[in-house]
Amino acid sequence: MASTHFHNGTIWLGAGREPADALLVHDGVIIAIGSAEVARQLSTPPSSPSLADPHEPVAGESVDIETVDLRGGFLMPSFADGHAHPIFGGLEAEGPQVRSCASVAEIIAEVRRFAEANPDLEWITGASYDGSLVDGGLFDARWLDEAVSDRPVVLRAWDYHTVWCNSRALELAGITASTPEPELGEIPRRGDSSPLGTLREWGAVDLVDAVRPPLDESMRLRSLERAADYYLQRGVTWVQDAWVEPADVETYIAAARQGRLTIRFNLAFYADPRRFAEQLPAMIEARLRVDELADQMLTAQTVKFFADGVVENETGALLEPYCSSLHSHGLRVWEADTLAEAVRAVDAAGFQVHIHAIGDAAVRQALDAIESTIAANGPRDRRPVIAHAQLVESADLDRFADLGVIANMQPLWAQLDDLMTVLTVPRLGEDRARQQYRMRTILDSGGHLSFGSDWPCTSGTPVEGLAIGTSRQNEAGEPYGGWIPEEIVDVDRALDSYSAAVAHQAFADASPEPWGAIQVGASADLIRFDLDPRDLTPRELALLPVRTTYLGGTAVYSRA
């Protein structure tokens, strides 16, 4: 049995609570908070159940006590990411490194370098390029042909709703001038109707995915481990994988069986309107397989729906048309009442609902689906999630609180960066653009707000998101006073939104071994910082490194 005594620093217990000055952890569980209670526990003989409650040691067994001097630093519950794609994120290291490329020429050069270094690869796949580098986000296959013409190349855009292919990939997928527009997708074309090289949304992307060979399982497992390492370095110990398909289930189960899961994951099975009826029984079976593992690091309690696409592609579903009217009101993935019907079925099967909704029409459709589910299936602790909620009509804001819906938002996105100024604002118009990411309004109305990153679409580093959410300023500190300053979230509630609020989303407080809060009886999932994040400027906060990440009382990452 081992105990850890933290002292000489600020132990942050959450928004609205006075910090503590000491903490005692025994056998991975918090057993005392505050110096007086810690002193009482430390003076108790080791065989007493009070020291080890609820993990009582054998009478007479010695207890090793490690003392951690925080040196004036800050200890808080570990971060959790309420919406991400960890396998995708880990896989980015396996292909050409295009994320940092600042021009099409740089992307082409990197793809050429990678192809020359990997001459035996049948397909060259990579992610994720910046869609704002080209007007309208429309990339030409002929540009990639300059790098590689004899092998297929497929690159995902940062949004993961878009891919850019070379001509060989289009040829193998059978995408030609005569290919009809796919259901739930778009093939942008040249003037002669030939495919340009950019494919938007699943219906189009699936045409290429159908002819690509499956990824080697060893690569997938390696990518999952790489993702876990990435998160532990950033103080994250639980992640909602928000897009899980059958192959991903096998990867997670294999990782669990091999003891390779080093952080907590919850799986959200992807619901496709084109084959949902056959998916639901498979989801139930997959959940049972995960439950049978009885692995504390893995759960599978959620189903993920897409209600729409993204504003940058003009596939986010809007109540009023886009300014360019290129796609009019955008894309509804589930037509008419089909989303509500599917949500009711998933809820009746005992799953949590997690709905991607970017545009205000999609958010309303998601809220309507949840409301009809509550009416049809009756009350229970369901904690439905609407992810992103980028644009919410004012009339729908109070419905989050009224329906008990968790708004999982990405604070890093609430800034005037190139993505916002080049792609988003021109499509929405200035007035509508100022209605985006209404985080504080939802909180103040009594709604639940949890944070996520959508990594690898954008950075999975929580302190970077916190810096934006608490200032609404970009890296240059602009605009002065913040963009839409009335939606700035104070730092204490922002820290809660990246920790306790995500734990609530994860049903952690209802778990046999709760986590996500510093309270007696909770798992000691903690982060240690050298500085108090509440005292820092936004830029300082964005650069604040994690000193140590603890999972179940064990230091699973420590900065040298």
Protein backbone atom coordinates (compact mmCIF):
# COMPACT_ATOMS: atom_id res chain seq x y z
CA MET A 1 0.00 0.00 0.00
CA ALA A 2 1.25 3.51 -0.83
CA SER A 3 0.13 6.99 0.13
CA THR A 4 1.01 10.35 -1.37
CA HIS A 5 0.87 13.60 0.61
CA PHE A 6 0.66 16.78 -1.49
CA HIS A 7 1.36 20.07 0.29
CA ASN A 8 2.81 23.59 0.02
CA GLY A 9 0.70 24.77 -2.89
CA THR A 10 -2.80 25.55 -4.12
CA ILE A 11 -5.05 22.51 -4.37
CA TRP A 12 -7.91 23.69 -6.55
CA LEU A 13 -11.21 21.99 -5.75
CA GLY A 14 -13.33 23.56 -8.49
CA ALA A 15 -15.23 26.75 -9.26
CA GLY A 16 -16.92 28.26 -6.21
CA ARG A 17 -14.94 26.20 -3.67
CA GLU A 18 -12.10 27.41 -1.48
CA PRO A 19 -8.78 25.80 -2.42
CA ALA A 20 -7.15 23.38 0.02
CA ASP A 21 -3.57 23.42 1.25
CA ALA A 22 -2.96 19.66 1.46
CA LEU A 23 -4.18 16.40 -0.01
CA LEU A 24 -3.67 12.76 0.93
CA VAL A 25 -4.04 9.90 -1.53
CA HIS A 26 -3.97 6.24 -0.51
CA ASP A 27 -3.95 3.32 -2.94
CA GLY A 28 -4.91 5.69 -5.74
CA VAL A 29 -7.92 7.15 -3.92
CA ILE A 30 -8.28 10.58 -2.29
CA ILE A 31 -8.81 10.05 1.46
CA ALA A 32 -8.17 13.48 3.03
CA ILE A 33 -8.37 17.13 1.96
CA GLY A 34 -6.87 20.01 3.96
CA SER A 35 -3.91 20.02 6.30
CA ALA A 36 -5.93 19.29 9.47
CA GLU A 37 -7.63 16.22 8.02
CA VAL A 38 -4.40 15.04 6.40
CA ALA A 39 -2.58 15.36 9.73
CA ARG A 40 -5.31 13.33 11.44
CA GLN A 41 -5.08 10.59 8.84
CA LEU A 42 -1.28 10.50 8.98
CA SER A 43 -1.35 10.09 12.76
CA THR A 44 -3.58 7.03 12.46
CA PRO A 45 -1.87 3.61 12.67
CA PRO A 46 -1.54 2.04 9.23
CA SER A 47 -3.77 -0.91 10.10
CA SER A 48 -6.71 1.40 10.83
CA PRO A 49 -9.46 1.38 8.19
CA SER A 50 -9.70 5.19 8.41
CA LEU A 51 -6.39 5.63 6.59
CA ALA A 52 -7.24 3.27 3.79
CA ASP A 53 -10.97 3.76 3.45
CA PRO A 54 -12.29 2.52 1.08
CA HIS A 55 -9.15 0.39 0.41
CA GLU A 56 -8.37 -1.10 3.83
CA PRO A 57 -4.86 -2.59 4.18
CA VAL A 58 -4.15 -5.85 5.91
CA ALA A 59 -3.61 -5.29 9.65
CA GLY A 60 0.02 -4.57 10.37
CA GLU A 61 0.92 -3.90 6.71
CA SER A 62 3.27 -0.96 6.32
CA VAL A 63 2.19 2.07 4.33
CA ASP A 64 4.81 3.98 2.35
CA ILE A 65 4.12 7.70 2.30
CA GLU A 66 5.55 9.82 -0.50
CA THR A 67 5.60 13.55 0.15
CA VAL A 68 5.16 15.84 -2.87
CA ASP A 69 6.17 19.44 -2.24
CA LEU A 70 4.18 21.50 -4.74
CA ARG A 71 6.65 24.40 -4.21
CA GLY A 72 3.88 26.97 -4.43
CA GLY A 73 2.41 25.32 -7.52
CA PHE A 74 -1.11 24.25 -8.44
CA LEU A 75 -2.86 20.87 -8.22
CA MET A 76 -6.25 20.24 -9.83
CA PRO A 77 -8.37 17.41 -11.25
CA SER A 78 -6.92 16.13 -14.49
CA PHE A 79 -8.30 17.38 -17.78
CA ALA A 80 -10.68 15.32 -19.89
CA ASP A 81 -11.44 15.77 -23.58
CA GLY A 82 -15.16 15.60 -24.31
CA HIS A 83 -14.83 15.23 -28.08
CA ALA A 84 -11.80 13.96 -30.01
CA HIS A 85 -10.56 11.40 -32.51
CA PRO A 86 -7.48 9.79 -30.96
CA ILE A 87 -6.78 7.10 -33.55
CA PHE A 88 -6.95 9.69 -36.33
CA GLY A 89 -4.60 11.89 -34.33
CA GLY A 90 -2.07 9.12 -33.78
CA LEU A 91 -2.19 8.11 -37.43
CA GLU A 92 -1.06 11.54 -38.61
CA ALA A 93 2.52 10.62 -37.69
CA GLU A 94 2.37 7.64 -40.08
CA GLY A 95 2.05 9.68 -43.29
CA PRO A 96 3.46 12.83 -44.90
CA GLN A 97 3.68 15.64 -42.36
CA VAL A 98 1.45 18.26 -43.98
CA ARG A 99 -0.15 19.85 -40.91
CA SER A 100 2.52 22.55 -40.55
CA CYS A 101 2.71 23.31 -44.28
CA ALA A 102 1.90 26.94 -45.00
CA SER A 103 1.35 26.67 -48.76
CA VAL A 104 0.33 24.23 -51.46
CA ALA A 105 3.95 24.15 -52.64
CA GLU A 106 5.09 23.01 -49.19
CA ILE A 107 2.45 20.27 -49.12
CA ILE A 108 3.53 19.00 -52.55
CA ALA A 109 7.17 19.00 -51.50
CA GLU A 110 6.40 17.05 -48.32
CA VAL A 111 4.27 14.48 -50.18
CA ARG A 112 7.08 14.03 -52.73
CA ARG A 113 9.65 13.58 -49.93
CA PHE A 114 7.51 11.02 -48.16
CA ALA A 115 6.80 9.09 -51.36
CA GLU A 116 10.48 8.89 -52.22
CA ALA A 117 11.28 7.72 -48.69
CA ASN A 118 8.55 5.03 -48.84
CA PRO A 119 8.71 3.57 -52.35
CA ASP A 120 6.92 0.34 -51.37
CA LEU A 121 3.76 1.95 -50.02
CA GLU A 122 0.79 1.11 -52.24
CA TRP A 123 -1.24 4.14 -51.07
CA ILE A 124 0.06 7.40 -49.64
CA THR A 125 -2.31 8.79 -47.03
CA GLY A 126 -1.83 11.72 -44.69
CA ALA A 127 -3.43 14.48 -42.66
CA SER A 128 -4.22 17.17 -42.12
CA TYR A 129 -3.78 20.09 -44.47
CA ASP A 130 -5.08 23.62 -43.93
CA GLY A 131 -8.18 24.12 -46.07
CA SER A 132 -7.88 27.91 -45.89
CA LEU A 133 -4.70 27.89 -48.03
CA VAL A 134 -6.80 27.89 -51.21
CA ASP A 135 -9.80 30.02 -52.07
CA GLY A 136 -12.97 28.16 -51.12
CA GLY A 137 -10.95 25.22 -49.82
CA LEU A 138 -10.96 23.66 -53.32
CA PHE A 139 -7.72 21.76 -54.03
CA ASP A 140 -6.82 20.36 -57.47
CA ALA A 141 -5.74 16.74 -58.06
CA ARG A 142 -3.21 17.92 -60.64
CA TRP A 143 -1.24 19.70 -57.92
CA LEU A 144 -0.72 16.41 -56.09
CA ASP A 145 0.11 14.73 -59.41
CA GLU A 146 3.24 16.90 -59.48
CA ALA A 147 4.43 15.06 -56.38
CA VAL A 148 3.17 11.54 -57.15
CA SER A 149 1.33 10.41 -60.28
CA ASP A 150 1.84 6.64 -60.34
CA ARG A 151 0.40 5.86 -56.89
CA PRO A 152 -2.82 7.06 -55.22
CA VAL A 153 -2.47 9.93 -52.74
CA VAL A 154 -5.24 10.86 -50.29
CA LEU A 155 -4.86 13.73 -47.80
CA ARG A 156 -7.44 14.64 -45.19
CA ALA A 157 -8.15 18.31 -44.50
CA TRP A 158 -7.98 19.70 -40.98
CA ASP A 159 -11.77 19.32 -40.64
CA TYR A 160 -11.75 15.57 -41.41
CA HIS A 161 -14.88 16.14 -43.49
CA THR A 162 -12.83 16.74 -46.66
CA VAL A 163 -10.13 14.90 -48.60
CA TRP A 164 -7.81 15.93 -51.40
CA CYS A 165 -6.89 13.21 -53.90
CA ASN A 166 -4.51 12.94 -56.81
CA SER A 167 -5.71 11.75 -60.20
CA ARG A 168 -4.65 8.14 -59.59
CA ALA A 169 -6.80 7.94 -56.42
CA LEU A 170 -9.80 9.33 -58.31
CA GLU A 171 -9.22 6.82 -61.09
CA LEU A 172 -9.08 3.83 -58.72
CA ALA A 173 -12.24 5.05 -56.98
CA GLY A 174 -14.03 5.29 -60.33
CA ILE A 175 -14.79 8.99 -59.88
CA THR A 176 -15.22 10.57 -63.31
CA ALA A 177 -17.17 13.33 -65.01
CA SER A 178 -20.16 10.99 -65.24
CA THR A 179 -20.15 9.98 -61.56
CA PRO A 180 -23.40 11.21 -60.01
CA GLU A 181 -23.36 13.31 -56.89
CA PRO A 182 -23.31 10.89 -53.95
CA GLU A 183 -25.82 10.83 -51.16
CA LEU A 184 -24.47 12.85 -48.20
CA GLY A 185 -21.51 14.15 -50.14
CA GLU A 186 -20.23 16.42 -52.88
CA ILE A 187 -17.72 16.14 -55.70
CA PRO A 188 -16.57 19.65 -56.72
CA ARG A 189 -15.92 19.75 -60.46
CA ARG A 190 -14.13 21.69 -63.15
CA GLY A 191 -15.98 23.44 -65.96
CA ASP A 192 -15.99 20.22 -68.04
CA SER A 193 -17.60 18.28 -65.13
CA SER A 194 -14.42 16.32 -64.40
CA PRO A 195 -13.71 15.90 -60.68
CA LEU A 196 -11.45 18.60 -59.31
CA GLY A 197 -9.76 16.48 -56.68
CA THR A 198 -11.51 17.64 -53.51
CA LEU A 199 -14.19 15.40 -51.98
CA ARG A 200 -16.57 16.73 -49.33
CA GLU A 201 -18.40 14.80 -46.63
CA TRP A 202 -18.79 11.04 -46.12
CA GLY A 203 -20.81 10.16 -49.17
CA ALA A 204 -17.98 11.36 -51.42
CA VAL A 205 -15.08 10.34 -49.19
CA ASP A 206 -16.51 6.81 -48.92
CA LEU A 207 -15.95 6.35 -52.66
CA VAL A 208 -12.20 6.47 -52.07
CA ASP A 209 -12.24 4.67 -48.73
CA ALA A 210 -14.02 1.75 -50.40
CA VAL A 211 -10.97 0.97 -52.57
CA ARG A 212 -8.22 1.76 -50.04
CA PRO A 213 -6.65 -1.25 -48.33
CA PRO A 214 -7.35 -1.47 -44.58
CA LEU A 215 -4.69 -0.17 -42.23
CA ASP A 216 -2.42 -2.69 -40.59
CA GLU A 217 -3.58 -3.41 -37.03
CA SER A 218 -0.09 -2.89 -35.62
CA MET A 219 -0.12 0.61 -37.07
CA ARG A 220 -3.52 1.32 -35.53
CA LEU A 221 -2.40 0.09 -32.09
CA ARG A 222 0.78 2.13 -32.36
CA SER A 223 -1.28 5.19 -33.25
CA LEU A 224 -3.60 4.69 -30.27
CA GLU A 225 -0.61 4.49 -27.92
CA ARG A 226 0.86 7.59 -29.53
CA ALA A 227 -2.41 9.42 -28.93
CA ALA A 228 -2.46 8.39 -25.26
CA ASP A 229 1.11 9.66 -24.81
CA TYR A 230 0.13 12.93 -26.47
CA TYR A 231 -2.74 13.40 -24.05
CA LEU A 232 -0.86 12.44 -20.88
CA GLN A 233 1.75 15.10 -21.65
CA ARG A 234 -1.12 17.61 -21.69
CA GLY A 235 -2.77 16.50 -18.46
CA VAL A 236 -5.66 14.61 -20.09
CA THR A 237 -6.64 11.24 -18.59
CA TRP A 238 -10.06 10.60 -20.25
CA VAL A 239 -11.04 11.00 -23.89
CA GLN A 240 -14.35 10.68 -25.70
CA ASP A 241 -13.56 9.04 -29.02
CA ALA A 242 -16.35 10.65 -30.99
CA TRP A 243 -16.25 8.59 -34.19
CA VAL A 244 -15.84 4.85 -33.71
CA GLU A 245 -16.35 2.36 -36.51
CA PRO A 246 -16.07 -1.46 -36.35
CA ALA A 247 -12.34 -1.56 -37.09
CA ASP A 248 -11.74 0.93 -34.26
CA VAL A 249 -13.64 -1.30 -31.83
CA GLU A 250 -11.26 -4.15 -32.64
CA THR A 251 -8.25 -1.88 -32.05
CA TYR A 252 -9.50 -0.75 -28.66
CA ILE A 253 -10.38 -4.28 -27.56
CA ALA A 254 -6.98 -5.57 -28.68
CA ALA A 255 -5.26 -2.74 -26.81
CA ALA A 256 -7.24 -3.53 -23.66
CA ARG A 257 -6.47 -7.23 -23.84
CA GLN A 258 -2.77 -6.48 -24.30
CA GLY A 259 -2.69 -4.00 -21.41
CA ARG A 260 -1.81 -1.12 -23.74
CA LEU A 261 -4.44 1.42 -22.65
CA THR A 262 -2.74 4.06 -20.53
CA ILE A 263 -5.61 6.55 -20.29
CA ARG A 264 -9.38 6.21 -20.06
CA PHE A 265 -11.41 6.08 -23.27
CA ASN A 266 -15.13 6.01 -23.98
CA LEU A 267 -16.28 4.88 -27.41
CA ALA A 268 -19.03 6.59 -29.39
CA PHE A 269 -20.24 4.35 -32.19
CA TYR A 270 -20.83 6.19 -35.46
CA ALA A 271 -24.47 6.10 -36.65
CA ASP A 272 -24.86 6.30 -40.44
CA PRO A 273 -28.37 7.14 -41.74
CA ARG A 274 -27.74 4.96 -44.80
CA ARG A 275 -27.42 1.77 -42.72
CA PHE A 276 -28.54 2.58 -39.20
CA ALA A 277 -31.03 -0.29 -38.91
CA GLU A 278 -28.25 -2.85 -39.28
CA GLN A 279 -25.80 -0.85 -37.18
CA LEU A 280 -27.77 -0.73 -33.92
CA PRO A 281 -27.64 -4.47 -33.15
CA ALA A 282 -23.89 -4.42 -33.90
CA MET A 283 -23.44 -1.46 -31.54
CA ILE A 284 -25.20 -3.33 -28.75
CA GLU A 285 -23.00 -6.37 -29.35
CA ALA A 286 -19.84 -4.24 -29.39
CA ARG A 287 -20.85 -2.58 -26.11
CA LEU A 288 -21.30 -6.02 -24.54
CA ARG A 289 -17.84 -7.10 -25.72
CA VAL A 290 -16.29 -4.01 -24.15
CA ASP A 291 -18.26 -4.45 -20.92
CA GLU A 292 -17.09 -8.06 -20.64
CA LEU A 293 -13.49 -6.86 -20.55
CA ALA A 294 -14.23 -5.08 -17.24
CA ASP A 295 -11.33 -2.74 -18.01
CA GLN A 296 -11.50 0.54 -16.07
CA MET A 297 -9.75 2.23 -18.99
CA LEU A 298 -12.43 1.43 -21.57
CA THR A 299 -16.18 1.98 -21.82
CA ALA A 300 -18.57 2.03 -24.77
CA GLN A 301 -21.72 3.81 -23.70
CA THR A 302 -22.30 6.37 -26.45
CA VAL A 303 -23.57 6.67 -30.03
CA LYS A 304 -22.40 9.51 -32.27
CA PHE A 305 -24.65 11.20 -34.81
CA PHE A 306 -23.75 13.82 -37.39
CA ALA A 307 -26.59 16.28 -37.90
CA ASP A 308 -24.65 18.32 -40.46
CA GLY A 309 -21.20 19.11 -41.83
CA VAL A 310 -19.07 22.22 -41.29
CA VAL A 311 -19.49 25.89 -42.11
CA GLU A 312 -16.15 26.05 -43.93
CA ASN A 313 -17.48 23.60 -46.54
CA GLU A 314 -20.90 25.25 -46.48
CA THR A 315 -22.27 21.88 -45.35
CA GLY A 316 -23.18 23.08 -41.86
CA ALA A 317 -27.00 23.24 -41.75
CA LEU A 318 -28.34 26.79 -41.36
CA LEU A 319 -31.79 28.25 -40.76
CA GLU A 320 -31.00 31.03 -43.24
CA PRO A 321 -28.93 30.54 -46.40
CA TYR A 322 -25.19 31.05 -46.69
CA CYS A 323 -24.10 34.45 -47.93
CA SER A 324 -22.77 32.95 -51.17
CA SER A 325 -25.80 30.63 -51.48
CA LEU A 326 -23.40 28.05 -52.92
CA HIS A 327 -25.12 25.34 -50.92
CA SER A 328 -28.12 27.35 -49.83
CA HIS A 329 -28.94 26.12 -46.31
CA GLY A 330 -26.20 23.48 -46.10
CA LEU A 331 -26.45 19.74 -45.51
CA ARG A 332 -28.84 17.88 -43.22
CA VAL A 333 -27.41 14.42 -42.71
CA TRP A 334 -30.68 13.02 -41.35
CA GLU A 335 -33.77 14.15 -43.22
CA ALA A 336 -37.18 14.96 -41.73
CA ASP A 337 -37.83 12.97 -38.52
CA THR A 338 -35.23 10.26 -39.12
CA LEU A 339 -32.76 11.73 -36.62
CA ALA A 340 -35.39 11.80 -33.88
CA GLU A 341 -36.39 8.22 -34.67
CA ALA A 342 -32.79 7.01 -34.51
CA VAL A 343 -32.08 8.93 -31.32
CA ARG A 344 -35.12 7.39 -29.66
CA ALA A 345 -33.95 3.90 -30.65
CA VAL A 346 -30.42 4.48 -29.37
CA ASP A 347 -31.72 5.95 -26.12
CA ALA A 348 -34.11 3.02 -25.63
CA ALA A 349 -31.10 0.71 -25.94
CA GLY A 350 -29.47 2.54 -23.02
CA PHE A 351 -26.86 4.51 -24.94
CA GLN A 352 -25.87 8.12 -24.38
CA VAL A 353 -26.53 10.33 -27.41
CA HIS A 354 -23.72 12.51 -28.81
CA ILE A 355 -24.75 14.69 -31.77
CA HIS A 356 -22.42 16.75 -33.96
CA ALA A 357 -24.33 19.94 -34.77
CA ILE A 358 -22.53 22.97 -36.18
CA GLY A 359 -25.20 25.18 -37.76
CA ASP A 360 -28.26 26.60 -36.04
CA ALA A 361 -30.62 24.39 -38.07
CA ALA A 362 -28.66 21.29 -37.04
CA VAL A 363 -28.64 22.37 -33.39
CA ARG A 364 -32.40 22.85 -33.48
CA GLN A 365 -32.89 19.46 -35.14
CA ALA A 366 -30.69 17.85 -32.44
CA LEU A 367 -32.60 19.56 -29.62
CA ASP A 368 -35.91 18.52 -31.18
CA ALA A 369 -34.70 14.91 -31.41
CA ILE A 370 -33.65 14.89 -27.75
CA GLU A 371 -36.90 16.52 -26.65
CA SER A 372 -38.97 13.91 -28.51
CA THR A 373 -36.83 11.14 -26.99
CA ILE A 374 -37.44 12.37 -23.45
CA ALA A 375 -41.17 12.53 -24.14
CA ALA A 376 -41.29 9.08 -25.71
CA ASN A 377 -38.88 7.14 -23.50
CA GLY A 378 -39.50 8.79 -20.16
CA PRO A 379 -37.15 10.24 -17.58
CA ARG A 380 -33.72 8.75 -16.85
CA ASP A 381 -30.15 9.95 -16.33
CA ARG A 382 -29.26 10.19 -20.04
CA ARG A 383 -26.90 13.25 -20.24
CA PRO A 384 -27.28 13.87 -24.00
CA VAL A 385 -24.50 15.80 -25.70
CA ILE A 386 -24.58 18.27 -28.58
CA ALA A 387 -21.03 18.71 -29.80
CA HIS A 388 -19.71 21.99 -31.22
CA ALA A 389 -22.97 24.03 -31.15
CA GLN A 390 -21.12 26.64 -33.17
CA LEU A 391 -24.21 28.62 -34.13
CA VAL A 392 -27.30 28.51 -31.91
CA GLU A 393 -30.46 30.50 -32.59
CA SER A 394 -31.33 32.69 -29.58
CA ALA A 395 -34.69 30.97 -29.17
CA ASP A 396 -32.90 27.65 -28.64
CA LEU A 397 -30.33 28.71 -26.04
CA ASP A 398 -32.48 28.01 -22.97
CA ARG A 399 -33.38 24.57 -24.28
CA PHE A 400 -29.96 23.22 -23.31
CA ALA A 401 -30.78 23.75 -19.64
CA ASP A 402 -34.44 22.81 -20.00
CA LEU A 403 -33.61 19.45 -21.62
CA GLY A 404 -30.47 18.69 -19.60
CA VAL A 405 -28.33 18.78 -22.75
CA ILE A 406 -24.56 19.12 -22.39
CA ALA A 407 -23.04 21.58 -24.85
CA ASN A 408 -19.60 20.21 -25.64
CA MET A 409 -17.75 23.10 -27.22
CA GLN A 410 -14.23 23.69 -28.48
CA PRO A 411 -12.94 26.88 -26.85
CA LEU A 412 -9.92 27.03 -29.17
CA TRP A 413 -12.27 27.81 -32.06
CA ALA A 414 -13.69 31.00 -30.54
CA GLN A 415 -11.10 33.33 -32.05
CA LEU A 416 -10.45 35.45 -35.11
CA ASP A 417 -7.83 33.24 -36.75
CA ASP A 418 -7.36 32.60 -40.48
CA LEU A 419 -9.96 29.86 -40.46
CA MET A 420 -12.54 32.23 -39.03
CA THR A 421 -11.70 35.28 -41.12
CA VAL A 422 -10.98 33.54 -44.45
CA LEU A 423 -13.60 30.78 -44.51
CA THR A 424 -16.22 31.17 -41.78
CA VAL A 425 -17.16 34.84 -41.51
CA PRO A 426 -17.54 35.38 -45.29
CA ARG A 427 -19.96 32.46 -45.40
CA LEU A 428 -22.04 33.52 -42.40
CA GLY A 429 -21.81 37.30 -42.68
CA GLU A 430 -20.71 39.62 -39.88
CA ASP A 431 -24.00 39.71 -37.94
CA ARG A 432 -24.51 35.98 -37.87
CA ALA A 433 -20.81 35.32 -37.23
CA ARG A 434 -21.10 37.23 -33.95
CA GLN A 435 -23.58 34.63 -32.69
CA GLN A 436 -20.96 31.88 -32.61
CA TYR A 437 -19.75 29.87 -29.60
CA ARG A 438 -22.15 31.29 -27.02
CA MET A 439 -20.47 29.48 -24.16
CA ARG A 440 -21.13 31.89 -21.35
CA THR A 441 -24.76 32.38 -22.34
CA ILE A 442 -25.38 28.65 -22.10
CA LEU A 443 -23.62 28.48 -18.73
CA ASP A 444 -25.46 31.49 -17.32
CA SER A 445 -28.79 30.03 -18.40
CA GLY A 446 -28.13 26.98 -16.22
CA GLY A 447 -26.93 24.71 -19.01
CA HIS A 448 -24.05 22.26 -18.84
CA LEU A 449 -20.89 23.28 -20.71
CA SER A 450 -18.07 20.80 -21.25
CA PHE A 451 -14.96 21.35 -23.32
CA GLY A 452 -13.28 19.24 -25.97
CA SER A 453 -10.63 19.75 -28.62
CA ASP A 454 -11.80 17.76 -31.68
CA TRP A 455 -8.13 16.74 -31.97
CA PRO A 456 -6.56 16.25 -34.48
CA CYS A 457 -8.78 18.75 -36.30
CA THR A 458 -7.23 21.29 -33.95
CA SER A 459 -4.80 21.17 -31.04
CA GLY A 460 -5.60 18.78 -28.21
CA THR A 461 -3.75 20.93 -25.66
CA PRO A 462 -6.32 22.10 -23.08
CA VAL A 463 -4.37 25.14 -21.88
CA GLU A 464 -4.43 26.52 -25.44
CA GLY A 465 -8.21 26.20 -25.53
CA LEU A 466 -8.51 27.69 -22.05
CA ALA A 467 -6.43 30.70 -23.12
CA ILE A 468 -8.90 31.43 -25.93
CA GLY A 469 -12.07 30.64 -24.00
CA THR A 470 -11.10 33.00 -21.18
CA SER A 471 -10.07 35.87 -23.48
CA ARG A 472 -11.66 35.36 -26.94
CA GLN A 473 -8.36 36.67 -28.34
CA ASN A 474 -6.10 35.10 -30.93
CA GLU A 475 -2.37 34.47 -30.51
CA ALA A 476 -1.62 38.09 -31.36
CA GLY A 477 -3.88 39.28 -28.53
CA GLU A 478 -6.54 40.55 -30.94
CA PRO A 479 -9.07 42.00 -30.76
CA TYR A 480 -8.57 44.16 -27.71
CA GLY A 481 -11.10 43.14 -25.08
CA GLY A 482 -11.92 39.92 -26.91
CA TRP A 483 -14.07 38.81 -29.85
CA ILE A 484 -17.70 38.75 -28.69
CA PRO A 485 -16.49 39.61 -25.15
CA GLU A 486 -19.86 38.90 -23.55
CA GLU A 487 -19.19 35.21 -24.20
CA ILE A 488 -15.86 35.11 -22.32
CA VAL A 489 -15.88 32.40 -19.64
CA ASP A 490 -14.15 33.18 -16.35
CA VAL A 491 -11.08 31.04 -15.70
CA ASP A 492 -12.52 29.02 -12.79
CA ARG A 493 -15.57 27.93 -14.77
CA ALA A 494 -13.37 27.30 -17.80
CA LEU A 495 -11.15 24.97 -15.75
CA ASP A 496 -14.29 23.19 -14.57
CA SER A 497 -15.46 22.84 -18.16
CA TYR A 498 -12.26 21.00 -19.08
CA SER A 499 -12.34 18.75 -15.99
CA ALA A 500 -15.40 18.22 -13.76
CA ALA A 501 -17.91 19.05 -16.50
CA VAL A 502 -16.42 16.48 -18.86
CA ALA A 503 -16.38 13.97 -16.00
CA HIS A 504 -20.12 14.65 -15.63
CA GLN A 505 -20.52 14.05 -19.37
CA ALA A 506 -18.68 10.74 -18.88
CA PHE A 507 -20.95 9.63 -16.00
CA ALA A 508 -17.79 9.49 -13.86
CA ASP A 509 -19.70 10.49 -10.72
CA ALA A 510 -21.98 7.48 -11.25
CA SER A 511 -19.05 5.11 -11.71
CA PRO A 512 -18.12 2.51 -9.06
CA GLU A 513 -14.73 4.28 -8.95
CA PRO A 514 -15.53 7.97 -9.54
CA TRP A 515 -13.00 10.38 -10.99
CA GLY A 516 -12.95 13.97 -12.21
CA ALA A 517 -13.11 15.80 -8.88
CA ILE A 518 -10.95 16.29 -5.82
CA GLN A 519 -13.18 14.76 -3.19
CA VAL A 520 -12.85 11.98 -0.67
CA GLY A 521 -13.41 8.60 -2.31
CA ALA A 522 -12.53 9.76 -5.86
CA SER A 523 -9.72 8.35 -7.96
CA ALA A 524 -6.68 10.61 -7.76
CA ASP A 525 -6.62 11.70 -11.41
CA LEU A 526 -4.70 14.96 -11.06
CA ILE A 527 -2.52 17.52 -12.80
CA ARG A 528 0.31 19.47 -11.24
CA PHE A 529 1.38 22.86 -12.63
CA ASP A 530 4.30 24.96 -11.41
CA LEU A 531 2.15 28.10 -11.69
CA ASP A 532 -1.45 28.94 -10.91
CA PRO A 533 -3.21 29.17 -14.32
CA ARG A 534 -5.68 31.68 -12.88
CA ASP A 535 -2.90 34.23 -12.42
CA LEU A 536 -1.56 34.14 -16.00
CA THR A 537 -2.16 36.20 -19.12
CA PRO A 538 -3.81 34.33 -22.00
CA ARG A 539 -0.46 33.95 -23.78
CA GLU A 540 1.23 32.67 -20.62
CA LEU A 541 -1.62 30.25 -20.00
CA ALA A 542 -1.41 28.86 -23.54
CA LEU A 543 2.27 28.03 -22.97
CA LEU A 544 1.91 26.64 -19.44
CA PRO A 545 3.41 23.12 -19.35
CA VAL A 546 2.07 20.28 -17.24
CA ARG A 547 4.56 19.28 -14.56
CA THR A 548 2.99 15.91 -13.68
CA THR A 549 -0.09 13.93 -14.68
CA TYR A 550 -1.47 11.42 -12.18
CA LEU A 551 -3.87 8.60 -13.00
CA GLY A 552 -5.20 6.70 -10.01
CA GLY A 553 -2.54 8.32 -7.85
CA THR A 554 0.32 7.16 -10.07
CA ALA A 555 2.51 9.68 -11.89
CA VAL A 556 2.00 8.57 -15.50
CA TYR A 557 3.77 11.60 -17.00
CA SER A 558 6.39 13.90 -15.51
CA ARG A 559 8.17 16.71 -17.30
CA ALA A 560 11.93 16.51 -17.04
